[in-house]
Amino acid sequence: MLTFAYILPLATIKMKKTSFIILTLAILFSCNDRTNKAVAKDITESEKGVFDSTYYKQLETAFIKKDTTILNELFDNWHSLSKVKNNNTDQITSTIENIFNEVYHPFDLEKYGWLARPHYSKYQYAILSSLIRFKIIENFALLKQDGEFDMYSMDLDTISPFYPNPDVGTAKILYDIEPYKTSMQLFLSQKSYQKSFFLDSTNFINTPMSNDWKEYQTTPEILGILINNQMDSALVDLRLISTGVRINLYKKLDKWEMQEVKELWIE
C-alpha cells in the first residue's frame, strides 16, 4: 500500500543552473550573415555538427510574432527526432528505465500524494532530461535505515544518453537533445520570464518555476536513483516544483511499485 509521509528538511540542494552559453554562439546569432561566416570558421567541426540555428531562429520569430504555427512545426520536428530514440537493452539500463517510468508523473501529481491539477492536461509536450544519475548500493538496508543523506551531492554513476518512455498522458515526449537543447538555452537567455510565459501560456510546455526562468525541462527533476545489489529495491530522490521528494520502490512480479513517498525539503 502506498503511504505518504512528511519529514523535516534532511538536506539542502543546489539550485540547478542553466548551462553557460558559449561566447562564440552568442556572437554567431548577433551578427549579420557576413560576420556569421567569419565567426563560423572559429567553431570546431563537432560544434557545427551538433548545432543548427534554424530552431533557435524559429523560437525567436514565434515569440516576436506570437505565432504558434511556427512553434507547432518546431515541436513536431523535435518530437519526430525524439520518438526514434531508444535505450540500450543491458540489465542496468533497463532497470533504471523501468524505475524512472514508475516515478515520473509530470501531469499526475496525485501519484505523489498532492492535490490533482486538472489544468495540467492542457500541456502538449513533456521535455525530459537525456541523462540519469544512479548507483548500485551494497549495504542498501543500512543506507535506508540511516536516511540522513543528500543524493544530489553523492558521487553517482551516469547513463547518457538516456531515453525513458514514461506515461505522460496525452502529451508527447521530447528529449533534451541537440540542436533543440542549445536552441532553448539561447532562446531563454534573454527576456527569460516573458519567453517562459509564452511557451507556458500557449500550452506547449509546463515551464518550471526558477530564479531566472531559464529552465525548461518538465518537472519532476530526477536527482538520483539508488538500487540494491539484488535489483529489487530502490530509492529515488526528485525535485517536484520546489519540493524534495524521496520514493521507496520494491520490485514485485517483475514490476516496480512505489511503496512510500516522503517530502524531504521545501525551497
Foldseek 3Di string as FASTA:
>chain_A
DEAEAADEAQDDDDDDDFDDQDPLVVVLVVDDPVVNVVSVVVDDPVVVVFADCPLLVLLVVCLVVVPCVSVVVSVVVQLVVQVVDDDDPDPVLVLVLQVCQQPDALQACVVQVDDHDVVLVLAAEAEAEQKAWEEADAPVVVCVVVVNDDLLPDDTDMDPRRRHDHPHDNHGYGYCGPPVVSSLQVNCPPPLVSSLCSCVVVRHADQADDPRNSGGGRDFAWSYKYAYPVSFWIWTWTQGRFWIKIWIWGADPNHIHTHYIYTNYGD
